[in-house]
Amino acid sequence: MEFFNASDFTNLSNPGVVSEQLLSPHNSTSTRLTVTRVTVEAGASQPRHAHDASEQVWVAIQGSGELLLEDDATKTIAAGQVVRFEQGDLHGFVNTGKEPFVYLSVTAPPINFDYAYQSKSG
């Protein structure tokens, strides 16, 4: 069993985006999943990208915005909704709302997301 406290979490950030690594290669030996809590401030975005070897599920907790999908498509996502991206699915996000958008992300198999963020703390 592994048990974690806030002091065990690593925060990765870009302007307007904080990805709190709740269970990740930073603090866990899990070879099956990564769990992050992501906060995207109003007006901030995450660029379109894909995970070639992992699938990802987002559970929207607070706020709303637009998923940025393949071929410049978009889809609204709001608190209470869940979306699953298969491995290789192009996806990103822009917060078009007036409050932070918060979601839990579960990625399997795990990914160390350091490469996607400008700063790291914790």
C-alpha atoms as a PDB file:
ATOM      1  CA  MET A   1       0.000   0.000   0.000  1.00  0.00           C
ATOM      2  CA  GLU A   2       1.076   3.560  -0.705  1.00  0.00           C
ATOM      3  CA  PHE A   3      -0.424   6.505   1.205  1.00  0.00           C
ATOM      4  CA  PHE A   4       0.199  10.147   0.271  1.00  0.00           C
ATOM      5  CA  ASN A   5      -0.137  13.574   1.879  1.00  0.00           C
ATOM      6  CA  ALA A   6      -0.067  16.983   0.208  1.00  0.00           C
ATOM      7  CA  SER A   7       3.652  17.240   1.016  1.00  0.00           C
ATOM      8  CA  ASP A   8       4.225  14.212  -1.255  1.00  0.00           C
ATOM      9  CA  PHE A   9       2.733  15.894  -4.337  1.00  0.00           C
ATOM     10  CA  THR A  10       4.799  17.542  -7.050  1.00  0.00           C
ATOM     11  CA  ASN A  11       3.332  20.619  -8.770  1.00  0.00           C
ATOM     12  CA  LEU A  12       4.115  21.191 -12.422  1.00  0.00           C
ATOM     13  CA  SER A  13       3.114  24.537 -13.899  1.00  0.00           C
ATOM     14  CA  ASN A  14       2.871  26.659 -17.003  1.00  0.00           C
ATOM     15  CA  PRO A  15       1.368  30.155 -17.089  1.00  0.00           C
ATOM     16  CA  GLY A  16      -2.210  29.802 -15.819  1.00  0.00           C
ATOM     17  CA  VAL A  17      -2.009  26.011 -15.396  1.00  0.00           C
ATOM     18  CA  VAL A  18      -1.016  23.953 -12.346  1.00  0.00           C
ATOM     19  CA  SER A  19      -0.845  20.156 -12.520  1.00  0.00           C
ATOM     20  CA  GLU A  20      -0.707  18.654  -9.050  1.00  0.00           C
ATOM     21  CA  GLN A  21       0.799  15.175  -9.362  1.00  0.00           C
ATOM     22  CA  LEU A  22      -1.230  13.219  -6.796  1.00  0.00           C
ATOM     23  CA  LEU A  23       0.057   9.785  -7.778  1.00  0.00           C
ATOM     24  CA  SER A  24       2.843   9.781 -10.324  1.00  0.00           C
ATOM     25  CA  PRO A  25       6.377   8.589 -11.010  1.00  0.00           C
ATOM     26  CA  HIS A  26       7.444  11.404  -8.626  1.00  0.00           C
ATOM     27  CA  ASN A  27       6.008   9.659  -5.562  1.00  0.00           C
ATOM     28  CA  SER A  28       4.755   6.194  -6.543  1.00  0.00           C
ATOM     29  CA  THR A  29       6.040   2.890  -7.821  1.00  0.00           C
ATOM     30  CA  SER A  30       2.806   2.288  -9.750  1.00  0.00           C
ATOM     31  CA  THR A  31       3.317   0.959 -13.241  1.00  0.00           C
ATOM     32  CA  ARG A  32      -0.402   1.223 -14.043  1.00  0.00           C
ATOM     33  CA  LEU A  33      -1.568   4.835 -13.682  1.00  0.00           C
ATOM     34  CA  THR A  34      -0.925   8.484 -12.964  1.00  0.00           C
ATOM     35  CA  VAL A  35      -3.475  10.700 -11.172  1.00  0.00           C
ATOM     36  CA  THR A  36      -3.268  14.487 -11.380  1.00  0.00           C
ATOM     37  CA  ARG A  37      -5.470  17.396 -10.325  1.00  0.00           C
ATOM     38  CA  VAL A  38      -5.196  20.131 -12.943  1.00  0.00           C
ATOM     39  CA  THR A  39      -6.323  23.740 -12.467  1.00  0.00           C
ATOM     40  CA  VAL A  40      -6.599  25.930 -15.565  1.00  0.00           C
ATOM     41  CA  GLU A  41      -7.225  29.598 -14.793  1.00  0.00           C
ATOM     42  CA  ALA A  42      -9.790  31.614 -16.785  1.00  0.00           C
ATOM     43  CA  GLY A  43      -8.325  32.442 -20.190  1.00  0.00           C
ATOM     44  CA  ALA A  44      -5.445  29.947 -19.888  1.00  0.00           C
ATOM     45  CA  SER A  45      -4.996  26.935 -22.137  1.00  0.00           C
ATOM     46  CA  GLN A  46      -3.207  23.659 -22.708  1.00  0.00           C
ATOM     47  CA  PRO A  47      -2.053  23.093 -26.296  1.00  0.00           C
ATOM     48  CA  ARG A  48      -3.237  20.186 -28.392  1.00  0.00           C
ATOM     49  CA  HIS A  49      -1.110  17.100 -27.827  1.00  0.00           C
ATOM     50  CA  ALA A  50      -1.375  13.305 -27.835  1.00  0.00           C
ATOM     51  CA  HIS A  51      -0.087  10.484 -25.650  1.00  0.00           C
ATOM     52  CA  ASP A  52       1.195   7.785 -27.974  1.00  0.00           C
ATOM     53  CA  ALA A  53       1.282   4.958 -25.436  1.00  0.00           C
ATOM     54  CA  SER A  54      -1.307   5.940 -22.782  1.00  0.00           C
ATOM     55  CA  GLU A  55      -5.015   6.569 -22.539  1.00  0.00           C
ATOM     56  CA  GLN A  56      -6.348   9.370 -20.351  1.00  0.00           C
ATOM     57  CA  VAL A  57      -9.613  10.114 -18.532  1.00  0.00           C
ATOM     58  CA  TRP A  58     -10.612  13.590 -17.347  1.00  0.00           C
ATOM     59  CA  VAL A  59     -13.219  14.062 -14.616  1.00  0.00           C
ATOM     60  CA  ALA A  60     -14.377  17.701 -14.662  1.00  0.00           C
ATOM     61  CA  ILE A  61     -14.773  18.960 -11.076  1.00  0.00           C
ATOM     62  CA  GLN A  62     -15.285  22.726 -11.445  1.00  0.00           C
ATOM     63  CA  GLY A  63     -15.858  25.246 -14.222  1.00  0.00           C
ATOM     64  CA  SER A  64     -16.113  24.769 -17.961  1.00  0.00           C
ATOM     65  CA  GLY A  65     -14.291  25.355 -21.215  1.00  0.00           C
ATOM     66  CA  GLU A  66     -13.518  23.946 -24.636  1.00  0.00           C
ATOM     67  CA  LEU A  67     -11.708  20.744 -25.475  1.00  0.00           C
ATOM     68  CA  LEU A  68      -9.364  21.300 -28.414  1.00  0.00           C
ATOM     69  CA  LEU A  69      -9.588  18.250 -30.636  1.00  0.00           C
ATOM     70  CA  GLU A  70      -8.276  16.971 -33.952  1.00  0.00           C
ATOM     71  CA  ASP A  71      -8.926  18.946 -37.165  1.00  0.00           C
ATOM     72  CA  ASP A  72      -9.520  22.165 -35.147  1.00  0.00           C
ATOM     73  CA  ALA A  73     -12.715  20.667 -33.672  1.00  0.00           C
ATOM     74  CA  THR A  74     -13.847  21.762 -30.211  1.00  0.00           C
ATOM     75  CA  LYS A  75     -16.306  20.382 -27.660  1.00  0.00           C
ATOM     76  CA  THR A  76     -17.606  21.999 -24.489  1.00  0.00           C
ATOM     77  CA  ILE A  77     -16.787  20.286 -21.195  1.00  0.00           C
ATOM     78  CA  ALA A  78     -18.186  21.302 -17.800  1.00  0.00           C
ATOM     79  CA  ALA A  79     -18.166  20.169 -14.173  1.00  0.00           C
ATOM     80  CA  GLY A  80     -19.791  16.771 -13.782  1.00  0.00           C
ATOM     81  CA  GLN A  81     -18.717  15.440 -17.174  1.00  0.00           C
ATOM     82  CA  VAL A  82     -16.136  12.770 -17.949  1.00  0.00           C
ATOM     83  CA  VAL A  83     -14.137  12.361 -21.147  1.00  0.00           C
ATOM     84  CA  ARG A  84     -11.827   9.523 -22.203  1.00  0.00           C
ATOM     85  CA  PHE A  85      -9.037   9.962 -24.716  1.00  0.00           C
ATOM     86  CA  GLU A  86      -7.675   6.823 -26.341  1.00  0.00           C
ATOM     87  CA  GLN A  87      -3.940   6.600 -26.834  1.00  0.00           C
ATOM     88  CA  GLY A  88      -2.994   8.835 -29.737  1.00  0.00           C
ATOM     89  CA  ASP A  89      -6.135  11.048 -29.502  1.00  0.00           C
ATOM     90  CA  LEU A  90      -5.245  14.685 -30.062  1.00  0.00           C
ATOM     91  CA  HIS A  91      -6.565  16.850 -27.217  1.00  0.00           C
ATOM     92  CA  GLY A  92      -6.029  20.170 -25.463  1.00  0.00           C
ATOM     93  CA  PHE A  93      -8.095  22.677 -23.526  1.00  0.00           C
ATOM     94  CA  VAL A  94      -8.908  26.377 -23.273  1.00  0.00           C
ATOM     95  CA  ASN A  95     -10.744  27.843 -20.297  1.00  0.00           C
ATOM     96  CA  THR A  96     -13.386  30.083 -21.850  1.00  0.00           C
ATOM     97  CA  GLY A  97     -15.213  30.485 -18.523  1.00  0.00           C
ATOM     98  CA  LYS A  98     -14.917  33.069 -15.765  1.00  0.00           C
ATOM     99  CA  GLU A  99     -13.671  30.717 -13.032  1.00  0.00           C
ATOM    100  CA  PRO A 100     -10.871  28.144 -12.828  1.00  0.00           C
ATOM    101  CA  PHE A 101     -11.505  24.837 -14.565  1.00  0.00           C
ATOM    102  CA  VAL A 102     -10.443  21.933 -12.329  1.00  0.00           C
ATOM    103  CA  TYR A 103     -10.271  18.320 -13.431  1.00  0.00           C
ATOM    104  CA  LEU A 104      -8.812  15.034 -12.271  1.00  0.00           C
ATOM    105  CA  SER A 105      -6.793  13.230 -14.890  1.00  0.00           C
ATOM    106  CA  VAL A 106      -6.104   9.502 -14.783  1.00  0.00           C
ATOM    107  CA  THR A 107      -3.485   8.285 -17.247  1.00  0.00           C
ATOM    108  CA  ALA A 108      -2.649   4.639 -17.898  1.00  0.00           C
ATOM    109  CA  PRO A 109       0.033   3.535 -18.146  1.00  0.00           C
ATOM    110  CA  PRO A 110       1.737   6.300 -16.131  1.00  0.00           C
ATOM    111  CA  ILE A 111       3.445   9.290 -17.690  1.00  0.00           C
ATOM    112  CA  ASN A 112       6.018  11.578 -16.119  1.00  0.00           C
ATOM    113  CA  PHE A 113       4.627  14.926 -17.293  1.00  0.00           C
ATOM    114  CA  ASP A 114       7.748  16.990 -16.476  1.00  0.00           C
ATOM    115  CA  TYR A 115       8.434  17.446 -20.193  1.00  0.00           C
ATOM    116  CA  ALA A 116       5.214  19.432 -20.712  1.00  0.00           C
ATOM    117  CA  TYR A 117       5.682  22.070 -17.995  1.00  0.00           C
ATOM    118  CA  GLN A 118       8.027  25.015 -17.467  1.00  0.00           C
ATOM    119  CA  SER A 119       8.428  24.735 -13.694  1.00  0.00           C
ATOM    120  CA  LYS A 120       8.365  22.093 -10.984  1.00  0.00           C
ATOM    121  CA  SER A 121       7.992  22.395  -7.216  1.00  0.00           C
ATOM    122  CA  GLY A 122       7.328  20.183  -4.222  1.00  0.00           C
END
